[in-house]
Amino acid sequence: MRIEHAVATFVLALASSIAVAANVSESLKPSANEVLLLQSRATGVQIYTCSARKDDPSKYEWTFNAPEAELRDASGKRIGRHYAGPTWESDDGSKVTGELKSRDNGPDVNAIPWLLLVAKSNSGKGVFAKTTSIQRLDTAGGKAPADGCEAKEAGREIRVPYTATYYFFSPR
Protein backbone atom coordinates (compact mmCIF):
# COMPACT_ATOMS: atom_id res chain seq x y z
CA MET A 1 0.00 0.00 0.00
CA ARG A 2 2.75 2.50 0.88
CA ILE A 3 4.52 1.96 -2.44
CA GLU A 4 1.24 2.40 -4.35
CA HIS A 5 0.56 5.61 -2.42
CA ALA A 6 4.09 6.88 -3.08
CA VAL A 7 3.78 6.11 -6.81
CA ALA A 8 0.34 7.78 -6.99
CA THR A 9 1.71 10.86 -5.20
CA PHE A 10 4.69 11.01 -7.56
CA VAL A 11 2.49 10.68 -10.66
CA LEU A 12 0.15 13.41 -9.39
CA ALA A 13 3.07 15.72 -8.62
CA LEU A 14 4.62 15.04 -12.02
CA ALA A 15 1.33 15.65 -13.83
CA SER A 16 0.76 18.86 -11.86
CA SER A 17 4.31 19.96 -12.59
CA ILE A 18 3.84 19.43 -16.31
CA ALA A 19 0.47 21.22 -16.28
CA VAL A 20 1.94 24.19 -14.39
CA ALA A 21 4.92 24.39 -16.74
CA ALA A 22 2.72 24.37 -19.83
CA ASN A 23 0.64 27.38 -18.79
CA VAL A 24 3.27 29.94 -17.79
CA SER A 25 5.98 31.97 -19.48
CA GLU A 26 9.56 30.77 -19.25
CA SER A 27 10.41 33.56 -16.79
CA LEU A 28 7.92 32.14 -14.25
CA LYS A 29 9.08 28.54 -14.41
CA PRO A 30 11.07 27.16 -11.49
CA SER A 31 14.49 25.61 -11.99
CA ALA A 32 14.67 22.27 -13.80
CA ASN A 33 16.27 20.96 -10.59
CA GLU A 34 13.03 21.51 -8.65
CA VAL A 35 9.85 19.44 -8.32
CA LEU A 36 6.36 20.38 -7.22
CA LEU A 37 6.03 19.92 -3.47
CA LEU A 38 2.60 21.41 -2.78
CA GLN A 39 -0.23 23.25 -4.53
CA SER A 40 -2.51 25.50 -2.49
CA ARG A 41 -5.44 27.79 -3.22
CA ALA A 42 -5.30 31.14 -1.43
CA THR A 43 -8.29 33.29 -0.58
CA GLY A 44 -7.80 36.62 1.12
CA VAL A 45 -6.96 40.27 0.58
CA GLN A 46 -4.19 42.46 -0.74
CA ILE A 47 -3.76 45.40 1.65
CA TYR A 48 -2.96 48.87 0.29
CA THR A 49 -2.31 52.20 2.02
CA CYS A 50 -2.88 55.66 0.57
CA SER A 51 0.48 57.42 0.53
CA ALA A 52 2.41 60.17 -1.24
CA ARG A 53 4.02 59.14 -4.52
CA LYS A 54 7.81 58.87 -4.40
CA ASP A 55 8.25 60.70 -7.70
CA ASP A 56 5.80 63.49 -6.81
CA PRO A 57 4.96 63.88 -3.07
CA SER A 58 2.12 66.27 -3.93
CA LYS A 59 0.20 63.33 -5.48
CA TYR A 60 -1.09 60.22 -3.75
CA GLU A 61 -1.51 56.59 -4.74
CA TRP A 62 -2.43 53.22 -3.28
CA THR A 63 0.79 51.53 -2.14
CA PHE A 64 0.94 47.78 -1.57
CA ASN A 65 1.38 46.95 2.10
CA ALA A 66 0.88 43.19 2.58
CA PRO A 67 -1.16 40.13 1.65
CA GLU A 68 -3.41 38.34 4.10
CA ALA A 69 -4.83 34.98 2.99
CA GLU A 70 -5.72 31.47 4.05
CA LEU A 71 -4.14 28.56 2.22
CA ARG A 72 -6.24 25.48 1.45
CA ASP A 73 -5.53 22.09 -0.07
CA ALA A 74 -7.46 20.54 -2.98
CA SER A 75 -10.19 19.28 -0.63
CA GLY A 76 -10.70 22.77 0.84
CA LYS A 77 -9.03 22.02 4.18
CA ARG A 78 -7.07 24.92 5.66
CA ILE A 79 -3.35 24.14 5.59
CA GLY A 80 -1.80 27.50 6.44
CA ARG A 81 -1.72 31.24 5.87
CA HIS A 82 0.05 33.87 3.79
CA TYR A 83 1.08 37.28 5.12
CA ALA A 84 3.67 40.08 4.98
CA GLY A 85 7.21 39.18 4.11
CA PRO A 86 5.90 37.69 1.85
CA THR A 87 5.61 34.68 4.15
CA TRP A 88 3.75 31.41 3.85
CA GLU A 89 3.22 29.56 7.13
CA SER A 90 1.96 25.98 7.24
CA ASP A 91 -0.26 24.69 10.02
CA ASP A 92 2.63 22.24 10.68
CA GLY A 93 4.67 25.25 11.93
CA SER A 94 7.08 25.55 9.00
CA LYS A 95 7.53 28.84 7.14
CA VAL A 96 9.07 30.18 3.96
CA THR A 97 9.72 33.82 3.13
CA GLY A 98 10.09 34.64 -0.54
CA GLU A 99 11.88 37.18 -2.67
CA LEU A 100 10.65 38.22 -6.12
CA LYS A 101 12.51 36.66 -9.03
CA SER A 102 10.16 37.50 -11.91
CA ARG A 103 6.65 38.70 -12.69
CA ASP A 104 4.17 38.52 -15.54
CA ASN A 105 0.91 40.45 -15.83
CA GLY A 106 -0.97 37.21 -16.48
CA PRO A 107 -4.06 36.91 -18.65
CA ASP A 108 -6.46 38.92 -16.43
CA VAL A 109 -5.81 42.68 -16.60
CA ASN A 110 -8.02 43.13 -13.52
CA ALA A 111 -5.94 40.77 -11.36
CA ILE A 112 -2.63 41.04 -9.54
CA PRO A 113 0.35 39.72 -11.52
CA TRP A 114 1.65 36.18 -11.66
CA LEU A 115 4.96 35.75 -9.84
CA LEU A 116 7.96 33.50 -9.35
CA LEU A 117 9.65 33.92 -6.00
CA VAL A 118 12.71 32.24 -4.53
CA ALA A 119 12.98 31.22 -0.90
CA LYS A 120 14.89 33.82 1.10
CA SER A 121 14.50 31.96 4.40
CA ASN A 122 12.90 28.77 5.70
CA SER A 123 12.12 27.61 9.21
CA GLY A 124 10.54 24.67 10.99
CA LYS A 125 10.54 21.03 10.03
CA GLY A 126 7.42 20.81 7.87
CA VAL A 127 6.53 21.28 4.22
CA PHE A 128 7.71 24.89 3.85
CA ALA A 129 11.11 24.09 5.35
CA LYS A 130 11.96 22.38 2.04
CA THR A 131 10.53 25.03 -0.30
CA THR A 132 12.99 26.69 -2.68
CA SER A 133 10.61 28.43 -5.14
CA ILE A 134 7.02 29.67 -5.10
CA GLN A 135 4.79 30.46 -8.07
CA ARG A 136 1.68 32.64 -7.77
CA LEU A 137 -0.65 31.87 -10.67
CA ASP A 138 -4.33 31.91 -11.61
CA THR A 139 -4.91 35.22 -9.83
CA ALA A 140 -8.27 36.96 -9.59
CA GLY A 141 -8.80 40.41 -8.08
CA GLY A 142 -6.40 41.99 -5.62
CA LYS A 143 -5.43 45.07 -7.65
CA ALA A 144 -5.39 48.51 -6.08
CA PRO A 145 -8.10 50.87 -7.34
CA ALA A 146 -6.99 52.42 -10.63
CA ASP A 147 -8.29 55.87 -9.71
CA GLY A 148 -5.76 56.33 -6.92
CA CYS A 149 -6.39 58.31 -3.75
CA GLU A 150 -6.14 61.87 -2.47
CA ALA A 151 -4.14 63.65 0.25
CA LYS A 152 -7.18 63.70 2.56
CA GLU A 153 -7.06 59.86 2.49
CA ALA A 154 -3.36 59.64 3.45
CA GLY A 155 -2.81 56.69 5.74
CA ARG A 156 -6.14 55.09 4.87
CA GLU A 157 -5.95 51.34 4.34
CA ILE A 158 -8.06 49.28 1.94
CA ARG A 159 -8.36 45.52 1.66
CA VAL A 160 -8.96 44.20 -1.85
CA PRO A 161 -10.19 40.59 -2.13
CA TYR A 162 -8.12 38.17 -4.23
CA THR A 163 -7.61 34.52 -4.97
CA ALA A 164 -4.57 32.77 -6.37
CA THR A 165 -3.01 29.36 -6.66
CA TYR A 166 0.42 28.96 -5.09
CA TYR A 167 2.80 26.24 -6.21
CA PHE A 168 5.64 25.37 -3.85
CA PHE A 169 8.75 23.68 -5.23
CA SER A 170 11.65 21.87 -3.59
CA PRO A 171 14.92 20.34 -4.84
CA ARG A 172 14.65 17.05 -6.75
C-alpha atoms as a PDB file:
ATOM      1  CA  MET A   1       0.000   0.000   0.000  1.00  0.00           C
ATOM      2  CA  ARG A   2       2.750   2.496   0.876  1.00  0.00           C
ATOM      3  CA  ILE A   3       4.520   1.958  -2.440  1.00  0.00           C
ATOM      4  CA  GLU A   4       1.244   2.402  -4.351  1.00  0.00           C
ATOM      5  CA  HIS A   5       0.558   5.612  -2.422  1.00  0.00           C
ATOM      6  CA  ALA A   6       4.091   6.880  -3.084  1.00  0.00           C
ATOM      7  CA  VAL A   7       3.779   6.106  -6.811  1.00  0.00           C
ATOM      8  CA  ALA A   8       0.344   7.776  -6.994  1.00  0.00           C
ATOM      9  CA  THR A   9       1.707  10.857  -5.197  1.00  0.00           C
ATOM     10  CA  PHE A  10       4.689  11.006  -7.561  1.00  0.00           C
ATOM     11  CA  VAL A  11       2.490  10.684 -10.663  1.00  0.00           C
ATOM     12  CA  LEU A  12       0.149  13.408  -9.388  1.00  0.00           C
ATOM     13  CA  ALA A  13       3.072  15.716  -8.616  1.00  0.00           C
ATOM     14  CA  LEU A  14       4.621  15.040 -12.022  1.00  0.00           C
ATOM     15  CA  ALA A  15       1.326  15.652 -13.835  1.00  0.00           C
ATOM     16  CA  SER A  16       0.763  18.858 -11.861  1.00  0.00           C
ATOM     17  CA  SER A  17       4.306  19.964 -12.587  1.00  0.00           C
ATOM     18  CA  ILE A  18       3.837  19.428 -16.306  1.00  0.00           C
ATOM     19  CA  ALA A  19       0.467  21.223 -16.276  1.00  0.00           C
ATOM     20  CA  VAL A  20       1.935  24.188 -14.394  1.00  0.00           C
ATOM     21  CA  ALA A  21       4.923  24.393 -16.736  1.00  0.00           C
ATOM     22  CA  ALA A  22       2.724  24.367 -19.835  1.00  0.00           C
ATOM     23  CA  ASN A  23       0.643  27.376 -18.788  1.00  0.00           C
ATOM     24  CA  VAL A  24       3.270  29.944 -17.793  1.00  0.00           C
ATOM     25  CA  SER A  25       5.976  31.967 -19.481  1.00  0.00           C
ATOM     26  CA  GLU A  26       9.563  30.767 -19.247  1.00  0.00           C
ATOM     27  CA  SER A  27      10.405  33.563 -16.787  1.00  0.00           C
ATOM     28  CA  LEU A  28       7.923  32.138 -14.254  1.00  0.00           C
ATOM     29  CA  LYS A  29       9.084  28.538 -14.409  1.00  0.00           C
ATOM     30  CA  PRO A  30      11.067  27.156 -11.487  1.00  0.00           C
ATOM     31  CA  SER A  31      14.488  25.609 -11.985  1.00  0.00           C
ATOM     32  CA  ALA A  32      14.671  22.273 -13.804  1.00  0.00           C
ATOM     33  CA  ASN A  33      16.268  20.963 -10.594  1.00  0.00           C
ATOM     34  CA  GLU A  34      13.030  21.510  -8.649  1.00  0.00           C
ATOM     35  CA  VAL A  35       9.850  19.443  -8.317  1.00  0.00           C
ATOM     36  CA  LEU A  36       6.360  20.375  -7.224  1.00  0.00           C
ATOM     37  CA  LEU A  37       6.026  19.919  -3.472  1.00  0.00           C
ATOM     38  CA  LEU A  38       2.605  21.414  -2.779  1.00  0.00           C
ATOM     39  CA  GLN A  39      -0.226  23.249  -4.529  1.00  0.00           C
ATOM     40  CA  SER A  40      -2.509  25.503  -2.494  1.00  0.00           C
ATOM     41  CA  ARG A  41      -5.438  27.787  -3.224  1.00  0.00           C
ATOM     42  CA  ALA A  42      -5.304  31.138  -1.430  1.00  0.00           C
ATOM     43  CA  THR A  43      -8.292  33.291  -0.584  1.00  0.00           C
ATOM     44  CA  GLY A  44      -7.795  36.618   1.119  1.00  0.00           C
ATOM     45  CA  VAL A  45      -6.958  40.266   0.584  1.00  0.00           C
ATOM     46  CA  GLN A  46      -4.192  42.461  -0.737  1.00  0.00           C
ATOM     47  CA  ILE A  47      -3.763  45.396   1.651  1.00  0.00           C
ATOM     48  CA  TYR A  48      -2.963  48.865   0.288  1.00  0.00           C
ATOM     49  CA  THR A  49      -2.314  52.203   2.025  1.00  0.00           C
ATOM     50  CA  CYS A  50      -2.885  55.662   0.569  1.00  0.00           C
ATOM     51  CA  SER A  51       0.482  57.423   0.525  1.00  0.00           C
ATOM     52  CA  ALA A  52       2.412  60.166  -1.245  1.00  0.00           C
ATOM     53  CA  ARG A  53       4.022  59.144  -4.520  1.00  0.00           C
ATOM     54  CA  LYS A  54       7.810  58.865  -4.399  1.00  0.00           C
ATOM     55  CA  ASP A  55       8.253  60.699  -7.696  1.00  0.00           C
ATOM     56  CA  ASP A  56       5.800  63.490  -6.807  1.00  0.00           C
ATOM     57  CA  PRO A  57       4.963  63.880  -3.073  1.00  0.00           C
ATOM     58  CA  SER A  58       2.116  66.266  -3.925  1.00  0.00           C
ATOM     59  CA  LYS A  59       0.202  63.335  -5.482  1.00  0.00           C
ATOM     60  CA  TYR A  60      -1.089  60.221  -3.753  1.00  0.00           C
ATOM     61  CA  GLU A  61      -1.506  56.585  -4.737  1.00  0.00           C
ATOM     62  CA  TRP A  62      -2.433  53.220  -3.276  1.00  0.00           C
ATOM     63  CA  THR A  63       0.788  51.529  -2.138  1.00  0.00           C
ATOM     64  CA  PHE A  64       0.939  47.777  -1.570  1.00  0.00           C
ATOM     65  CA  ASN A  65       1.383  46.948   2.098  1.00  0.00           C
ATOM     66  CA  ALA A  66       0.879  43.186   2.582  1.00  0.00           C
ATOM     67  CA  PRO A  67      -1.155  40.135   1.651  1.00  0.00           C
ATOM     68  CA  GLU A  68      -3.405  38.340   4.103  1.00  0.00           C
ATOM     69  CA  ALA A  69      -4.829  34.984   2.992  1.00  0.00           C
ATOM     70  CA  GLU A  70      -5.722  31.473   4.047  1.00  0.00           C
ATOM     71  CA  LEU A  71      -4.141  28.556   2.217  1.00  0.00           C
ATOM     72  CA  ARG A  72      -6.243  25.475   1.446  1.00  0.00           C
ATOM     73  CA  ASP A  73      -5.530  22.088  -0.067  1.00  0.00           C
ATOM     74  CA  ALA A  74      -7.458  20.538  -2.979  1.00  0.00           C
ATOM     75  CA  SER A  75     -10.193  19.279  -0.626  1.00  0.00           C
ATOM     76  CA  GLY A  76     -10.698  22.772   0.841  1.00  0.00           C
ATOM     77  CA  LYS A  77      -9.029  22.018   4.176  1.00  0.00           C
ATOM     78  CA  ARG A  78      -7.070  24.924   5.658  1.00  0.00           C
ATOM     79  CA  ILE A  79      -3.354  24.145   5.593  1.00  0.00           C
ATOM     80  CA  GLY A  80      -1.799  27.503   6.440  1.00  0.00           C
ATOM     81  CA  ARG A  81      -1.720  31.235   5.874  1.00  0.00           C
ATOM     82  CA  HIS A  82       0.053  33.865   3.790  1.00  0.00           C
ATOM     83  CA  TYR A  83       1.077  37.276   5.123  1.00  0.00           C
ATOM     84  CA  ALA A  84       3.666  40.082   4.978  1.00  0.00           C
ATOM     85  CA  GLY A  85       7.208  39.180   4.114  1.00  0.00           C
ATOM     86  CA  PRO A  86       5.905  37.688   1.853  1.00  0.00           C
ATOM     87  CA  THR A  87       5.613  34.677   4.146  1.00  0.00           C
ATOM     88  CA  TRP A  88       3.749  31.406   3.852  1.00  0.00           C
ATOM     89  CA  GLU A  89       3.222  29.557   7.126  1.00  0.00           C
ATOM     90  CA  SER A  90       1.959  25.982   7.242  1.00  0.00           C
ATOM     91  CA  ASP A  91      -0.262  24.692  10.022  1.00  0.00           C
ATOM     92  CA  ASP A  92       2.625  22.244  10.683  1.00  0.00           C
ATOM     93  CA  GLY A  93       4.672  25.250  11.935  1.00  0.00           C
ATOM     94  CA  SER A  94       7.077  25.550   9.004  1.00  0.00           C
ATOM     95  CA  LYS A  95       7.527  28.837   7.136  1.00  0.00           C
ATOM     96  CA  VAL A  96       9.069  30.176   3.959  1.00  0.00           C
ATOM     97  CA  THR A  97       9.722  33.816   3.125  1.00  0.00           C
ATOM     98  CA  GLY A  98      10.095  34.642  -0.541  1.00  0.00           C
ATOM     99  CA  GLU A  99      11.879  37.179  -2.674  1.00  0.00           C
ATOM    100  CA  LEU A 100      10.654  38.216  -6.119  1.00  0.00           C
ATOM    101  CA  LYS A 101      12.513  36.656  -9.025  1.00  0.00           C
ATOM    102  CA  SER A 102      10.164  37.501 -11.905  1.00  0.00           C
ATOM    103  CA  ARG A 103       6.654  38.695 -12.694  1.00  0.00           C
ATOM    104  CA  ASP A 104       4.170  38.518 -15.536  1.00  0.00           C
ATOM    105  CA  ASN A 105       0.908  40.451 -15.835  1.00  0.00           C
ATOM    106  CA  GLY A 106      -0.967  37.207 -16.478  1.00  0.00           C
ATOM    107  CA  PRO A 107      -4.063  36.911 -18.651  1.00  0.00           C
ATOM    108  CA  ASP A 108      -6.464  38.920 -16.431  1.00  0.00           C
ATOM    109  CA  VAL A 109      -5.810  42.676 -16.602  1.00  0.00           C
ATOM    110  CA  ASN A 110      -8.021  43.135 -13.522  1.00  0.00           C
ATOM    111  CA  ALA A 111      -5.944  40.774 -11.364  1.00  0.00           C
ATOM    112  CA  ILE A 112      -2.633  41.036  -9.544  1.00  0.00           C
ATOM    113  CA  PRO A 113       0.352  39.719 -11.521  1.00  0.00           C
ATOM    114  CA  TRP A 114       1.654  36.183 -11.659  1.00  0.00           C
ATOM    115  CA  LEU A 115       4.961  35.754  -9.835  1.00  0.00           C
ATOM    116  CA  LEU A 116       7.957  33.498  -9.346  1.00  0.00           C
ATOM    117  CA  LEU A 117       9.649  33.919  -5.998  1.00  0.00           C
ATOM    118  CA  VAL A 118      12.714  32.237  -4.535  1.00  0.00           C
ATOM    119  CA  ALA A 119      12.980  31.222  -0.904  1.00  0.00           C
ATOM    120  CA  LYS A 120      14.886  33.820   1.102  1.00  0.00           C
ATOM    121  CA  SER A 121      14.503  31.956   4.400  1.00  0.00           C
ATOM    122  CA  ASN A 122      12.899  28.770   5.697  1.00  0.00           C
ATOM    123  CA  SER A 123      12.121  27.615   9.214  1.00  0.00           C
ATOM    124  CA  GLY A 124      10.538  24.671  10.988  1.00  0.00           C
ATOM    125  CA  LYS A 125      10.537  21.027  10.032  1.00  0.00           C
ATOM    126  CA  GLY A 126       7.422  20.814   7.871  1.00  0.00           C
ATOM    127  CA  VAL A 127       6.532  21.281   4.225  1.00  0.00           C
ATOM    128  CA  PHE A 128       7.713  24.894   3.846  1.00  0.00           C
ATOM    129  CA  ALA A 129      11.113  24.093   5.346  1.00  0.00           C
ATOM    130  CA  LYS A 130      11.963  22.384   2.036  1.00  0.00           C
ATOM    131  CA  THR A 131      10.527  25.034  -0.303  1.00  0.00           C
ATOM    132  CA  THR A 132      12.994  26.691  -2.681  1.00  0.00           C
ATOM    133  CA  SER A 133      10.613  28.427  -5.143  1.00  0.00           C
ATOM    134  CA  ILE A 134       7.021  29.671  -5.099  1.00  0.00           C
ATOM    135  CA  GLN A 135       4.785  30.465  -8.070  1.00  0.00           C
ATOM    136  CA  ARG A 136       1.681  32.637  -7.767  1.00  0.00           C
ATOM    137  CA  LEU A 137      -0.649  31.874 -10.672  1.00  0.00           C
ATOM    138  CA  ASP A 138      -4.334  31.915 -11.605  1.00  0.00           C
ATOM    139  CA  THR A 139      -4.907  35.217  -9.828  1.00  0.00           C
ATOM    140  CA  ALA A 140      -8.271  36.956  -9.594  1.00  0.00           C
ATOM    141  CA  GLY A 141      -8.802  40.408  -8.083  1.00  0.00           C
ATOM    142  CA  GLY A 142      -6.402  41.990  -5.615  1.00  0.00           C
ATOM    143  CA  LYS A 143      -5.428  45.066  -7.647  1.00  0.00           C
ATOM    144  CA  ALA A 144      -5.388  48.509  -6.078  1.00  0.00           C
ATOM    145  CA  PRO A 145      -8.105  50.869  -7.341  1.00  0.00           C
ATOM    146  CA  ALA A 146      -6.988  52.418 -10.634  1.00  0.00           C
ATOM    147  CA  ASP A 147      -8.292  55.866  -9.713  1.00  0.00           C
ATOM    148  CA  GLY A 148      -5.760  56.326  -6.919  1.00  0.00           C
ATOM    149  CA  CYS A 149      -6.392  58.313  -3.753  1.00  0.00           C
ATOM    150  CA  GLU A 150      -6.137  61.871  -2.465  1.00  0.00           C
ATOM    151  CA  ALA A 151      -4.145  63.653   0.247  1.00  0.00           C
ATOM    152  CA  LYS A 152      -7.179  63.702   2.560  1.00  0.00           C
ATOM    153  CA  GLU A 153      -7.061  59.861   2.494  1.00  0.00           C
ATOM    154  CA  ALA A 154      -3.363  59.637   3.452  1.00  0.00           C
ATOM    155  CA  GLY A 155      -2.812  56.685   5.740  1.00  0.00           C
ATOM    156  CA  ARG A 156      -6.143  55.086   4.866  1.00  0.00           C
ATOM    157  CA  GLU A 157      -5.952  51.341   4.337  1.00  0.00           C
ATOM    158  CA  ILE A 158      -8.058  49.285   1.942  1.00  0.00           C
ATOM    159  CA  ARG A 159      -8.357  45.516   1.660  1.00  0.00           C
ATOM    160  CA  VAL A 160      -8.955  44.203  -1.853  1.00  0.00           C
ATOM    161  CA  PRO A 161     -10.194  40.588  -2.130  1.00  0.00           C
ATOM    162  CA  TYR A 162      -8.125  38.173  -4.226  1.00  0.00           C
ATOM    163  CA  THR A 163      -7.610  34.520  -4.973  1.00  0.00           C
ATOM    164  CA  ALA A 164      -4.566  32.766  -6.369  1.00  0.00           C
ATOM    165  CA  THR A 165      -3.007  29.356  -6.664  1.00  0.00           C
ATOM    166  CA  TYR A 166       0.418  28.959  -5.092  1.00  0.00           C
ATOM    167  CA  TYR A 167       2.803  26.237  -6.215  1.00  0.00           C
ATOM    168  CA  PHE A 168       5.643  25.368  -3.847  1.00  0.00           C
ATOM    169  CA  PHE A 169       8.753  23.676  -5.235  1.00  0.00           C
ATOM    170  CA  SER A 170      11.652  21.867  -3.595  1.00  0.00           C
ATOM    171  CA  PRO A 171      14.917  20.336  -4.839  1.00  0.00           C
ATOM    172  CA  ARG A 172      14.651  17.049  -6.754  1.00  0.00           C
END
